[in-house]
Amino acid sequence: MEYMENEFLKVGVSAHGAELSQIYDKEKKHDVVWSADPAYWNRHAPVLFPFVGKVTGGEYRYKGQSYPMGQHGFARDREFRLVNKTADSITFVLESDEKTKKVYPFDFTLEITHRLNGRCVRVEWNVVNGSDTEPMYFSIGGHPAFNCPADAGVQKTDYYIAFEGAGDLDYVLIDPEAQAVDDQHVHRLHTEDGYVKVDEALFENDALIFDHAQVQKASLCYPDHTPYVTLNCNSFPSFGLWSKPNAKAPYICLEPWIGRCDNRDFHGELPEKFEEQKLNAGGTFCAAYEIEVH
């Protein structure tokens, strides 16, 4: 684990998956990022690359060939290499190798930097296409989980989720049988001036997926509606809201996604996936989101 800290926060990032594993609020004396207790969910904030979610039937097709791929790709389970560390930044890198090419036939470099600025942690992704001639296709997403409740004496269901600037929101669900998005049935999430009360029933059908850049900023809020932690993901096309269903799991995930799992009836090739990113030969893709601790 590599650490950085200032007067407000202590931040830990693991080489395994370049995963943000701790944000400790020194003022309030509590941890913000989920502890990865395996009794509920054994991850903190995995990076989803080169796929977000599952692919139809556990495999995808590219140029007529099929490749196996597990949920959320492979980056979250790989060891990254530390390439730079300063007082306020930690940078890890993952590069393609023979193992990745068996399931993902592209030359790539994935660079992940976490930056600490005041009470904010910025997560930066740089994806480089190492080919001189061929484009590469990918999705990338964050999956940060935050303790909810943050402190003793209150319940998860005392908290609120706030969607800045939003009224009611449209969302889709994952069809449990197909393990793909049921995009033919769109649901409506009602908010009270942008606030939604946390209810265990909210997650009874697994993750809520908001497409079409509806969610640009979301917060977990204390019972009095003041924000506890805010995730800023300006211009991200999709956003996932998740906690382990029917388990009273004491965390909630706010997930910024660029690309996502397949729609239920999708049988096309990789470039045709929903919000799939195309990176031209030799190109670099950059994106970032921010976690603000209040």
C-alpha atoms as a PDB file:
ATOM      1  CA  MET A   1       0.000   0.000   0.000  1.00  0.00           C
ATOM      2  CA  GLU A   2       1.173   3.497  -0.825  1.00  0.00           C
ATOM      3  CA  TYR A   3      -0.004   6.439   1.288  1.00  0.00           C
ATOM      4  CA  MET A   4      -0.263  10.195   0.998  1.00  0.00           C
ATOM      5  CA  GLU A   5      -1.804  12.621   3.450  1.00  0.00           C
ATOM      6  CA  ASN A   6      -2.398  16.233   4.312  1.00  0.00           C
ATOM      7  CA  GLU A   7      -3.971  18.017   7.277  1.00  0.00           C
ATOM      8  CA  PHE A   8      -7.432  16.746   6.314  1.00  0.00           C
ATOM      9  CA  LEU A   9      -7.166  13.252   4.822  1.00  0.00           C
ATOM     10  CA  LYS A  10      -4.999  10.145   4.735  1.00  0.00           C
ATOM     11  CA  VAL A  11      -5.268   8.218   1.465  1.00  0.00           C
ATOM     12  CA  GLY A  12      -4.078   4.683   0.696  1.00  0.00           C
ATOM     13  CA  VAL A  13      -3.768   3.138  -2.768  1.00  0.00           C
ATOM     14  CA  SER A  14      -2.907  -0.508  -3.370  1.00  0.00           C
ATOM     15  CA  ALA A  15      -0.690  -1.832  -6.165  1.00  0.00           C
ATOM     16  CA  HIS A  16      -3.275  -4.594  -6.567  1.00  0.00           C
ATOM     17  CA  GLY A  17      -5.634  -3.136  -9.140  1.00  0.00           C
ATOM     18  CA  ALA A  18      -4.298   0.382  -8.422  1.00  0.00           C
ATOM     19  CA  GLU A  19      -7.264   0.404  -6.062  1.00  0.00           C
ATOM     20  CA  LEU A  20      -8.146   3.305  -3.789  1.00  0.00           C
ATOM     21  CA  SER A  21      -8.297   1.465  -0.482  1.00  0.00           C
ATOM     22  CA  GLN A  22      -8.549   4.130   2.204  1.00  0.00           C
ATOM     23  CA  ILE A  23      -9.662   7.685   2.738  1.00  0.00           C
ATOM     24  CA  TYR A  24      -9.458   8.556   6.425  1.00  0.00           C
ATOM     25  CA  ASP A  25     -11.035  11.828   7.523  1.00  0.00           C
ATOM     26  CA  LYS A  26      -8.747  13.178  10.242  1.00  0.00           C
ATOM     27  CA  GLU A  27     -11.199  15.825  11.411  1.00  0.00           C
ATOM     28  CA  LYS A  28     -14.203  13.527  11.821  1.00  0.00           C
ATOM     29  CA  LYS A  29     -12.019  10.541  12.744  1.00  0.00           C
ATOM     30  CA  HIS A  30     -13.700   8.039  10.472  1.00  0.00           C
ATOM     31  CA  ASP A  31     -12.973   6.053   7.321  1.00  0.00           C
ATOM     32  CA  VAL A  32     -14.831   7.128   4.208  1.00  0.00           C
ATOM     33  CA  VAL A  33     -13.979   4.266   1.824  1.00  0.00           C
ATOM     34  CA  TRP A  34     -15.526   0.868   2.548  1.00  0.00           C
ATOM     35  CA  SER A  35     -13.351  -1.586   4.468  1.00  0.00           C
ATOM     36  CA  ALA A  36     -13.792  -4.486   1.991  1.00  0.00           C
ATOM     37  CA  ASP A  37     -15.211  -6.740   4.694  1.00  0.00           C
ATOM     38  CA  PRO A  38     -15.644 -10.054   2.829  1.00  0.00           C
ATOM     39  CA  ALA A  39     -18.824 -10.772   4.791  1.00  0.00           C
ATOM     40  CA  TYR A  40     -20.463  -8.267   2.429  1.00  0.00           C
ATOM     41  CA  TRP A  41     -18.115  -7.328  -0.444  1.00  0.00           C
ATOM     42  CA  ASN A  42     -14.355  -7.773  -0.532  1.00  0.00           C
ATOM     43  CA  ARG A  43     -13.370  -4.719  -2.566  1.00  0.00           C
ATOM     44  CA  HIS A  44     -12.921  -1.002  -1.861  1.00  0.00           C
ATOM     45  CA  ALA A  45     -12.992   0.871  -5.171  1.00  0.00           C
ATOM     46  CA  PRO A  46     -11.937  -1.333  -8.076  1.00  0.00           C
ATOM     47  CA  VAL A  47     -11.075   0.058 -11.497  1.00  0.00           C
ATOM     48  CA  LEU A  48     -13.193  -1.523 -14.230  1.00  0.00           C
ATOM     49  CA  PHE A  49     -11.131  -2.051 -17.388  1.00  0.00           C
ATOM     50  CA  PRO A  50     -11.246  -2.910 -20.267  1.00  0.00           C
ATOM     51  CA  PHE A  51     -14.916  -3.731 -19.646  1.00  0.00           C
ATOM     52  CA  VAL A  52     -17.586  -2.417 -17.313  1.00  0.00           C
ATOM     53  CA  GLY A  53     -19.967  -5.133 -16.159  1.00  0.00           C
ATOM     54  CA  LYS A  54     -20.487  -8.463 -17.874  1.00  0.00           C
ATOM     55  CA  VAL A  55     -20.451  -9.372 -21.556  1.00  0.00           C
ATOM     56  CA  THR A  56     -23.244 -11.473 -23.036  1.00  0.00           C
ATOM     57  CA  GLY A  57     -22.653 -15.154 -22.391  1.00  0.00           C
ATOM     58  CA  GLY A  58     -19.255 -14.455 -20.807  1.00  0.00           C
ATOM     59  CA  GLU A  59     -17.576 -13.716 -24.127  1.00  0.00           C
ATOM     60  CA  TYR A  60     -17.346 -10.935 -26.684  1.00  0.00           C
ATOM     61  CA  ARG A  61     -16.548 -10.877 -30.379  1.00  0.00           C
ATOM     62  CA  TYR A  62     -13.956  -8.869 -32.284  1.00  0.00           C
ATOM     63  CA  LYS A  63     -13.123  -9.326 -35.981  1.00  0.00           C
ATOM     64  CA  GLY A  64     -15.067 -12.570 -36.019  1.00  0.00           C
ATOM     65  CA  GLN A  65     -13.217 -14.131 -33.083  1.00  0.00           C
ATOM     66  CA  SER A  66     -14.664 -14.788 -29.627  1.00  0.00           C
ATOM     67  CA  TYR A  67     -12.788 -13.999 -26.419  1.00  0.00           C
ATOM     68  CA  PRO A  68     -13.725 -14.942 -22.847  1.00  0.00           C
ATOM     69  CA  MET A  69     -14.089 -12.092 -20.388  1.00  0.00           C
ATOM     70  CA  GLY A  70     -15.145 -11.995 -16.760  1.00  0.00           C
ATOM     71  CA  GLN A  71     -17.163  -9.293 -15.066  1.00  0.00           C
ATOM     72  CA  HIS A  72     -15.561  -5.831 -15.063  1.00  0.00           C
ATOM     73  CA  GLY A  73     -12.501  -6.920 -17.030  1.00  0.00           C
ATOM     74  CA  PHE A  74      -9.140  -7.890 -15.571  1.00  0.00           C
ATOM     75  CA  ALA A  75      -7.396  -4.710 -14.353  1.00  0.00           C
ATOM     76  CA  ARG A  76      -8.896  -4.914 -10.865  1.00  0.00           C
ATOM     77  CA  ASP A  77      -7.157  -8.272 -10.320  1.00  0.00           C
ATOM     78  CA  ARG A  78      -3.736  -7.394 -11.733  1.00  0.00           C
ATOM     79  CA  GLU A  79      -0.646  -6.032  -9.987  1.00  0.00           C
ATOM     80  CA  PHE A  80       0.223  -2.544 -11.176  1.00  0.00           C
ATOM     81  CA  ARG A  81       3.696  -0.990 -11.142  1.00  0.00           C
ATOM     82  CA  LEU A  82       4.378   2.148  -9.125  1.00  0.00           C
ATOM     83  CA  VAL A  83       5.928   4.718 -11.476  1.00  0.00           C
ATOM     84  CA  ASN A  84       5.633   7.980  -9.551  1.00  0.00           C
ATOM     85  CA  LYS A  85       4.927   9.135  -6.034  1.00  0.00           C
ATOM     86  CA  THR A  86       4.952  12.658  -4.617  1.00  0.00           C
ATOM     87  CA  ALA A  87       3.597  14.243  -1.467  1.00  0.00           C
ATOM     88  CA  ASP A  88       0.189  14.579  -3.100  1.00  0.00           C
ATOM     89  CA  SER A  89       0.048  11.988  -5.904  1.00  0.00           C
ATOM     90  CA  ILE A  90       0.468   8.255  -6.510  1.00  0.00           C
ATOM     91  CA  THR A  91       0.707   6.836 -10.047  1.00  0.00           C
ATOM     92  CA  PHE A  92       0.485   3.166 -11.009  1.00  0.00           C
ATOM     93  CA  VAL A  93       0.744   1.608 -14.475  1.00  0.00           C
ATOM     94  CA  LEU A  94      -0.485  -1.629 -16.071  1.00  0.00           C
ATOM     95  CA  GLU A  95       0.747  -2.695 -19.501  1.00  0.00           C
ATOM     96  CA  SER A  96      -0.548  -5.348 -21.847  1.00  0.00           C
ATOM     97  CA  ASP A  97       1.307  -8.653 -21.876  1.00  0.00           C
ATOM     98  CA  GLU A  98       0.897 -12.157 -23.243  1.00  0.00           C
ATOM     99  CA  LYS A  99      -1.668 -12.987 -20.562  1.00  0.00           C
ATOM    100  CA  THR A 100      -3.895  -9.996 -21.336  1.00  0.00           C
ATOM    101  CA  LYS A 101      -3.636 -10.546 -25.089  1.00  0.00           C
ATOM    102  CA  LYS A 102      -5.178 -13.999 -24.775  1.00  0.00           C
ATOM    103  CA  VAL A 103      -8.444 -12.362 -23.704  1.00  0.00           C
ATOM    104  CA  TYR A 104      -8.008  -8.793 -25.009  1.00  0.00           C
ATOM    105  CA  PRO A 105      -6.023  -8.509 -28.267  1.00  0.00           C
ATOM    106  CA  PHE A 106      -4.751  -4.945 -27.878  1.00  0.00           C
ATOM    107  CA  ASP A 107      -1.483  -3.288 -26.924  1.00  0.00           C
ATOM    108  CA  PHE A 108      -2.260  -0.810 -24.162  1.00  0.00           C
ATOM    109  CA  THR A 109      -0.921   1.106 -21.205  1.00  0.00           C
ATOM    110  CA  LEU A 110      -3.294   2.003 -18.383  1.00  0.00           C
ATOM    111  CA  GLU A 111      -1.972   4.720 -16.082  1.00  0.00           C
ATOM    112  CA  ILE A 112      -3.936   5.525 -12.918  1.00  0.00           C
ATOM    113  CA  THR A 113      -3.108   8.520 -10.753  1.00  0.00           C
ATOM    114  CA  HIS A 114      -4.683   9.483  -7.437  1.00  0.00           C
ATOM    115  CA  ARG A 115      -4.160  13.127  -6.443  1.00  0.00           C
ATOM    116  CA  LEU A 116      -4.840  14.668  -3.055  1.00  0.00           C
ATOM    117  CA  ASN A 117      -5.892  18.313  -2.868  1.00  0.00           C
ATOM    118  CA  GLY A 118      -7.411  19.579   0.371  1.00  0.00           C
ATOM    119  CA  ARG A 119     -10.458  17.421   1.093  1.00  0.00           C
ATOM    120  CA  CYS A 120     -10.618  16.096  -2.468  1.00  0.00           C
ATOM    121  CA  VAL A 121      -9.157  12.959  -4.094  1.00  0.00           C
ATOM    122  CA  ARG A 122      -8.953  13.094  -7.887  1.00  0.00           C
ATOM    123  CA  VAL A 123      -8.774   9.782  -9.774  1.00  0.00           C
ATOM    124  CA  GLU A 124      -7.214  10.116 -13.226  1.00  0.00           C
ATOM    125  CA  TRP A 125      -7.175   7.477 -15.970  1.00  0.00           C
ATOM    126  CA  ASN A 126      -4.876   7.624 -18.983  1.00  0.00           C
ATOM    127  CA  VAL A 127      -5.278   4.874 -21.577  1.00  0.00           C
ATOM    128  CA  VAL A 128      -2.668   4.655 -24.334  1.00  0.00           C
ATOM    129  CA  ASN A 129      -3.110   2.619 -27.518  1.00  0.00           C
ATOM    130  CA  GLY A 130       0.298   1.044 -28.157  1.00  0.00           C
ATOM    131  CA  SER A 131      -0.478   0.044 -31.734  1.00  0.00           C
ATOM    132  CA  ASP A 132       0.854   2.115 -34.623  1.00  0.00           C
ATOM    133  CA  THR A 133      -1.828   0.902 -37.001  1.00  0.00           C
ATOM    134  CA  GLU A 134      -4.947  -0.433 -35.241  1.00  0.00           C
ATOM    135  CA  PRO A 135      -7.603   1.263 -33.104  1.00  0.00           C
ATOM    136  CA  MET A 136      -8.466  -0.225 -29.726  1.00  0.00           C
ATOM    137  CA  TYR A 137     -11.852  -0.470 -28.068  1.00  0.00           C
ATOM    138  CA  PHE A 138     -12.549  -0.375 -24.359  1.00  0.00           C
ATOM    139  CA  SER A 139     -14.784   0.698 -21.515  1.00  0.00           C
ATOM    140  CA  ILE A 140     -13.564   2.033 -18.177  1.00  0.00           C
ATOM    141  CA  GLY A 141     -15.296   2.766 -14.909  1.00  0.00           C
ATOM    142  CA  GLY A 142     -14.951   3.419 -11.213  1.00  0.00           C
ATOM    143  CA  HIS A 143     -16.617   1.391  -8.469  1.00  0.00           C
ATOM    144  CA  PRO A 144     -15.884   3.266  -5.226  1.00  0.00           C
ATOM    145  CA  ALA A 145     -17.768   2.090  -2.161  1.00  0.00           C
ATOM    146  CA  PHE A 146     -18.331   4.405   0.785  1.00  0.00           C
ATOM    147  CA  ASN A 147     -19.149   3.535   4.361  1.00  0.00           C
ATOM    148  CA  CYS A 148     -22.826   4.122   5.052  1.00  0.00           C
ATOM    149  CA  PRO A 149     -23.387   4.827   7.848  1.00  0.00           C
ATOM    150  CA  ALA A 150     -20.122   6.649   8.413  1.00  0.00           C
ATOM    151  CA  ASP A 151     -20.468   6.711  12.196  1.00  0.00           C
ATOM    152  CA  ALA A 152     -22.036   4.699  14.989  1.00  0.00           C
ATOM    153  CA  GLY A 153     -25.463   5.580  16.274  1.00  0.00           C
ATOM    154  CA  VAL A 154     -27.281   5.914  12.953  1.00  0.00           C
ATOM    155  CA  GLN A 155     -28.464   3.456  10.335  1.00  0.00           C
ATOM    156  CA  LYS A 156     -27.810   3.220   6.622  1.00  0.00           C
ATOM    157  CA  THR A 157     -31.489   3.905   6.075  1.00  0.00           C
ATOM    158  CA  ASP A 158     -31.153   7.249   7.892  1.00  0.00           C
ATOM    159  CA  TYR A 159     -29.015   8.553   5.014  1.00  0.00           C
ATOM    160  CA  TYR A 160     -29.948  10.217   1.732  1.00  0.00           C
ATOM    161  CA  ILE A 161     -28.532  10.202  -1.784  1.00  0.00           C
ATOM    162  CA  ALA A 162     -28.483  13.599  -3.495  1.00  0.00           C
ATOM    163  CA  PHE A 163     -28.306  14.083  -7.254  1.00  0.00           C
ATOM    164  CA  GLU A 164     -27.251  17.661  -7.929  1.00  0.00           C
ATOM    165  CA  GLY A 165     -29.375  19.543 -10.402  1.00  0.00           C
ATOM    166  CA  ALA A 166     -31.622  16.547 -11.009  1.00  0.00           C
ATOM    167  CA  GLY A 167     -35.319  15.984 -10.707  1.00  0.00           C
ATOM    168  CA  ASP A 168     -36.692  12.510 -11.322  1.00  0.00           C
ATOM    169  CA  LEU A 169     -34.266  10.168 -13.067  1.00  0.00           C
ATOM    170  CA  ASP A 170     -34.622   7.305 -15.526  1.00  0.00           C
ATOM    171  CA  TYR A 171     -32.757   4.083 -14.841  1.00  0.00           C
ATOM    172  CA  VAL A 172     -32.461   0.543 -16.152  1.00  0.00           C
ATOM    173  CA  LEU A 173     -31.800  -2.730 -14.372  1.00  0.00           C
ATOM    174  CA  ILE A 174     -29.841  -5.882 -15.069  1.00  0.00           C
ATOM    175  CA  ASP A 175     -31.977  -8.822 -16.125  1.00  0.00           C
ATOM    176  CA  PRO A 176     -30.947 -11.545 -13.634  1.00  0.00           C
ATOM    177  CA  GLU A 177     -31.508 -14.350 -16.129  1.00  0.00           C
ATOM    178  CA  ALA A 178     -29.657 -12.780 -19.048  1.00  0.00           C
ATOM    179  CA  GLN A 179     -27.109 -10.991 -16.821  1.00  0.00           C
ATOM    180  CA  ALA A 180     -27.441  -8.033 -19.166  1.00  0.00           C
ATOM    181  CA  VAL A 181     -29.220  -4.686 -19.128  1.00  0.00           C
ATOM    182  CA  ASP A 182     -32.947  -4.769 -19.787  1.00  0.00           C
ATOM    183  CA  ASP A 183     -32.948  -1.575 -21.829  1.00  0.00           C
ATOM    184  CA  GLN A 184     -36.526  -2.176 -23.006  1.00  0.00           C
ATOM    185  CA  HIS A 185     -37.937  -1.431 -19.549  1.00  0.00           C
ATOM    186  CA  VAL A 186     -36.993   1.987 -18.205  1.00  0.00           C
ATOM    187  CA  HIS A 187     -37.829   2.810 -14.582  1.00  0.00           C
ATOM    188  CA  ARG A 188     -38.299   6.154 -12.886  1.00  0.00           C
ATOM    189  CA  LEU A 189     -36.581   7.199  -9.660  1.00  0.00           C
ATOM    190  CA  HIS A 190     -38.542   9.919  -7.891  1.00  0.00           C
ATOM    191  CA  THR A 191     -36.526  12.500  -5.963  1.00  0.00           C
ATOM    192  CA  GLU A 192     -37.578  15.213  -3.548  1.00  0.00           C
ATOM    193  CA  ASP A 193     -35.631  18.224  -4.791  1.00  0.00           C
ATOM    194  CA  GLY A 194     -32.863  15.825  -5.849  1.00  0.00           C
ATOM    195  CA  TYR A 195     -32.826  13.769  -2.615  1.00  0.00           C
ATOM    196  CA  VAL A 196     -33.651  10.072  -2.304  1.00  0.00           C
ATOM    197  CA  LYS A 197     -34.000   8.395   1.084  1.00  0.00           C
ATOM    198  CA  VAL A 198     -31.843   5.281   1.366  1.00  0.00           C
ATOM    199  CA  ASP A 199     -34.021   2.198   1.647  1.00  0.00           C
ATOM    200  CA  GLU A 200     -32.866  -1.422   1.573  1.00  0.00           C
ATOM    201  CA  ALA A 201     -35.530  -2.020  -1.076  1.00  0.00           C
ATOM    202  CA  LEU A 202     -33.722   0.459  -3.320  1.00  0.00           C
ATOM    203  CA  PHE A 203     -31.183  -2.243  -4.211  1.00  0.00           C
ATOM    204  CA  GLU A 204     -33.418  -5.304  -4.189  1.00  0.00           C
ATOM    205  CA  ASN A 205     -33.052  -5.588  -7.969  1.00  0.00           C
ATOM    206  CA  ASP A 206     -29.289  -5.011  -7.908  1.00  0.00           C
ATOM    207  CA  ALA A 207     -27.648  -1.900  -9.407  1.00  0.00           C
ATOM    208  CA  LEU A 208     -29.570   1.097 -10.715  1.00  0.00           C
ATOM    209  CA  ILE A 209     -27.996   2.251 -13.996  1.00  0.00           C
ATOM    210  CA  PHE A 210     -28.465   5.828 -15.147  1.00  0.00           C
ATOM    211  CA  ASP A 211     -27.500   6.403 -18.783  1.00  0.00           C
ATOM    212  CA  HIS A 212     -27.284   9.440 -21.066  1.00  0.00           C
ATOM    213  CA  ALA A 213     -25.149  11.541 -18.685  1.00  0.00           C
ATOM    214  CA  GLN A 214     -28.066  12.108 -16.313  1.00  0.00           C
ATOM    215  CA  VAL A 215     -25.849  11.986 -13.221  1.00  0.00           C
ATOM    216  CA  GLN A 216     -22.877  14.335 -13.131  1.00  0.00           C
ATOM    217  CA  LYS A 217     -22.629  14.779  -9.370  1.00  0.00           C
ATOM    218  CA  ALA A 218     -23.969  12.620  -6.543  1.00  0.00           C
ATOM    219  CA  SER A 219     -23.572  12.744  -2.775  1.00  0.00           C
ATOM    220  CA  LEU A 220     -24.218  10.532   0.186  1.00  0.00           C
ATOM    221  CA  CYS A 221     -25.824  12.721   2.829  1.00  0.00           C
ATOM    222  CA  TYR A 222     -26.242  12.575   6.577  1.00  0.00           C
ATOM    223  CA  PRO A 223     -29.788  12.332   7.993  1.00  0.00           C
ATOM    224  CA  ASP A 224     -29.989  16.154   8.078  1.00  0.00           C
ATOM    225  CA  HIS A 225     -29.300  16.269   4.292  1.00  0.00           C
ATOM    226  CA  THR A 226     -25.790  17.726   4.650  1.00  0.00           C
ATOM    227  CA  PRO A 227     -23.319  15.948   2.341  1.00  0.00           C
ATOM    228  CA  TYR A 228     -20.898  13.390   3.737  1.00  0.00           C
ATOM    229  CA  VAL A 229     -19.079  12.495   0.515  1.00  0.00           C
ATOM    230  CA  THR A 230     -19.604  13.720  -3.056  1.00  0.00           C
ATOM    231  CA  LEU A 231     -18.574  12.141  -6.347  1.00  0.00           C
ATOM    232  CA  ASN A 232     -18.094  14.464  -9.321  1.00  0.00           C
ATOM    233  CA  CYS A 233     -18.078  12.776 -12.734  1.00  0.00           C
ATOM    234  CA  ASN A 234     -18.710  15.520 -15.241  1.00  0.00           C
ATOM    235  CA  SER A 235     -19.370  14.258 -18.804  1.00  0.00           C
ATOM    236  CA  PHE A 236     -19.436  10.549 -17.861  1.00  0.00           C
ATOM    237  CA  PRO A 237     -22.174   8.864 -19.924  1.00  0.00           C
ATOM    238  CA  SER A 238     -23.359   6.350 -17.307  1.00  0.00           C
ATOM    239  CA  PHE A 239     -23.578   6.079 -13.535  1.00  0.00           C
ATOM    240  CA  GLY A 240     -24.240   3.074 -11.327  1.00  0.00           C
ATOM    241  CA  LEU A 241     -25.774   3.073  -7.846  1.00  0.00           C
ATOM    242  CA  TRP A 242     -25.299  -0.158  -5.924  1.00  0.00           C
ATOM    243  CA  SER A 243     -25.126  -1.906  -2.606  1.00  0.00           C
ATOM    244  CA  LYS A 244     -25.293  -5.629  -2.035  1.00  0.00           C
ATOM    245  CA  PRO A 245     -29.005  -6.417  -2.164  1.00  0.00           C
ATOM    246  CA  ASN A 246     -30.924  -7.866   0.761  1.00  0.00           C
ATOM    247  CA  ALA A 247     -27.883  -7.947   3.049  1.00  0.00           C
ATOM    248  CA  LYS A 248     -28.016  -4.686   5.051  1.00  0.00           C
ATOM    249  CA  ALA A 249     -24.512  -4.092   3.730  1.00  0.00           C
ATOM    250  CA  PRO A 250     -23.083  -0.937   5.396  1.00  0.00           C
ATOM    251  CA  TYR A 251     -21.818   0.717   2.223  1.00  0.00           C
ATOM    252  CA  ILE A 252     -23.116   2.334  -0.967  1.00  0.00           C
ATOM    253  CA  CYS A 253     -21.258   2.505  -4.290  1.00  0.00           C
ATOM    254  CA  LEU A 254     -21.335   5.627  -6.454  1.00  0.00           C
ATOM    255  CA  GLU A 255     -20.000   4.422  -9.806  1.00  0.00           C
ATOM    256  CA  PRO A 256     -18.896   6.633 -12.709  1.00  0.00           C
ATOM    257  CA  TRP A 257     -18.796   4.674 -15.959  1.00  0.00           C
ATOM    258  CA  ILE A 258     -17.633   5.268 -19.500  1.00  0.00           C
ATOM    259  CA  GLY A 259     -19.291   2.346 -21.248  1.00  0.00           C
ATOM    260  CA  ARG A 260     -21.220  -0.408 -19.489  1.00  0.00           C
ATOM    261  CA  CYS A 261     -22.465  -4.000 -19.665  1.00  0.00           C
ATOM    262  CA  ASP A 262     -24.291  -5.246 -22.732  1.00  0.00           C
ATOM    263  CA  ASN A 263     -27.951  -4.756 -23.416  1.00  0.00           C
ATOM    264  CA  ARG A 264     -29.980  -7.937 -23.175  1.00  0.00           C
ATOM    265  CA  ASP A 265     -30.390  -8.516 -26.895  1.00  0.00           C
ATOM    266  CA  PHE A 266     -26.907  -7.421 -27.953  1.00  0.00           C
ATOM    267  CA  HIS A 267     -25.048  -9.888 -30.178  1.00  0.00           C
ATOM    268  CA  GLY A 268     -22.794  -7.540 -32.095  1.00  0.00           C
ATOM    269  CA  GLU A 269     -19.035  -7.068 -32.154  1.00  0.00           C
ATOM    270  CA  LEU A 270     -16.907  -5.120 -29.692  1.00  0.00           C
ATOM    271  CA  PRO A 271     -17.054  -1.730 -31.494  1.00  0.00           C
ATOM    272  CA  GLU A 272     -20.866  -1.879 -31.383  1.00  0.00           C
ATOM    273  CA  LYS A 273     -21.176  -2.184 -27.592  1.00  0.00           C
ATOM    274  CA  PHE A 274     -23.084   0.494 -25.691  1.00  0.00           C
ATOM    275  CA  GLU A 275     -20.892   3.622 -25.305  1.00  0.00           C
ATOM    276  CA  GLU A 276     -17.780   1.650 -26.298  1.00  0.00           C
ATOM    277  CA  GLN A 277     -14.744   3.908 -26.628  1.00  0.00           C
ATOM    278  CA  LYS A 278     -12.602   3.900 -29.753  1.00  0.00           C
ATOM    279  CA  LEU A 279      -8.975   4.976 -29.340  1.00  0.00           C
ATOM    280  CA  ASN A 280      -7.095   5.512 -32.570  1.00  0.00           C
ATOM    281  CA  ALA A 281      -3.627   4.076 -33.194  1.00  0.00           C
ATOM    282  CA  GLY A 282      -1.048   5.742 -30.948  1.00  0.00           C
ATOM    283  CA  GLY A 283      -3.741   7.769 -29.213  1.00  0.00           C
ATOM    284  CA  THR A 284      -4.254   8.628 -25.544  1.00  0.00           C
ATOM    285  CA  PHE A 285      -7.589   8.759 -23.726  1.00  0.00           C
ATOM    286  CA  CYS A 286      -7.881  10.783 -20.509  1.00  0.00           C
ATOM    287  CA  ALA A 287     -10.704  10.947 -17.995  1.00  0.00           C
ATOM    288  CA  ALA A 288     -11.045  11.745 -14.292  1.00  0.00           C
ATOM    289  CA  TYR A 289     -13.541  11.872 -11.458  1.00  0.00           C
ATOM    290  CA  GLU A 290     -13.291  13.426  -8.007  1.00  0.00           C
ATOM    291  CA  ILE A 291     -14.248  12.347  -4.500  1.00  0.00           C
ATOM    292  CA  GLU A 292     -14.893  15.235  -2.140  1.00  0.00           C
ATOM    293  CA  VAL A 293     -15.057  14.551   1.600  1.00  0.00           C
ATOM    294  CA  HIS A 294     -17.115  17.079   3.530  1.00  0.00           C
END
